Protein backbone atom coordinates (compact mmCIF):
# COMPACT_ATOMS: atom_id res chain seq x y z
CA UNK A 1 -6.15 -9.81 23.92
CA UNK A 2 -5.46 -8.87 20.32
CA UNK A 3 -7.63 -7.52 17.57
CA UNK A 4 -8.97 -9.62 14.69
CA UNK A 5 -10.61 -8.79 11.39
CA UNK A 6 -13.65 -10.95 10.66
CA UNK A 7 -15.01 -11.10 7.11
CA UNK A 8 -18.15 -12.89 5.99
CA UNK A 9 -17.37 -15.11 3.00
CA UNK A 10 -20.52 -17.25 2.71
CA UNK A 11 -24.24 -16.51 2.73
CA UNK A 12 -26.53 -17.06 5.71
CA UNK A 13 -29.41 -18.18 3.49
CA UNK A 14 -30.71 -21.61 4.60
CA UNK A 15 -28.69 -21.47 7.83
CA UNK A 16 -30.12 -22.18 11.29
CA UNK A 17 -31.57 -19.23 13.18
CA UNK A 18 -28.83 -19.25 15.84
CA UNK A 19 -26.11 -18.95 13.17
CA UNK A 20 -27.92 -16.01 11.56
CA UNK A 21 -28.17 -14.28 14.95
CA UNK A 22 -24.48 -14.92 15.64
CA UNK A 23 -23.49 -13.32 12.31
CA UNK A 24 -25.64 -10.28 13.16
CA UNK A 25 -24.12 -10.09 16.66
CA UNK A 26 -20.64 -10.01 15.12
CA UNK A 27 -21.69 -6.97 13.07
CA UNK A 28 -21.81 -8.80 9.74
CA UNK A 29 -24.75 -9.48 7.46
CA UNK A 30 -23.59 -9.60 3.87
CA UNK A 31 -20.78 -11.24 1.96
CA UNK A 32 -17.45 -9.34 1.92
CA UNK A 33 -18.37 -7.16 4.91
CA UNK A 34 -15.55 -6.94 7.46
CA UNK A 35 -15.33 -5.80 11.07
CA UNK A 36 -12.40 -5.36 13.44
CA UNK A 37 -13.09 -6.53 16.99
CA UNK A 38 -11.17 -7.23 20.17
CA UNK A 39 -10.63 -10.98 20.58
CA UNK A 40 -12.41 -11.85 23.84
CA UNK A 41 -13.58 -15.30 24.95
CA UNK A 42 -17.12 -14.37 23.92
CA UNK A 43 -16.06 -13.33 20.41
CA UNK A 44 -13.89 -16.47 20.12
CA UNK A 45 -16.95 -18.60 20.90
CA UNK A 46 -18.98 -16.81 18.22
CA UNK A 47 -16.16 -17.33 15.72
CA UNK A 48 -16.10 -21.08 16.46
CA UNK A 49 -19.88 -21.27 16.02
CA UNK A 50 -19.87 -19.79 12.49
CA UNK A 51 -16.29 -20.50 11.33
CA UNK A 52 -17.58 -22.09 8.10
CA UNK A 53 -19.19 -18.76 7.09
CA UNK A 54 -16.37 -16.34 7.94
CA UNK A 55 -12.64 -15.80 7.59
CA UNK A 56 -10.57 -14.46 10.48
CA UNK A 57 -7.30 -12.51 10.24
CA UNK A 58 -5.22 -11.42 13.23
CA UNK A 59 -4.10 -7.80 13.22
């Protein structure tokens, strides 16, 4: 599995609770914050769940 950089590009205001929790679980929480994580099946599922709020770059 490779590494990916995940950046939050949209706000979580007025989003469902499960999307807010997914953003927090990814280590994000504010716009323009980025994290580098190992791409596992669990992380890939989280990315699919909130793909409209984040941008993903492979490293």
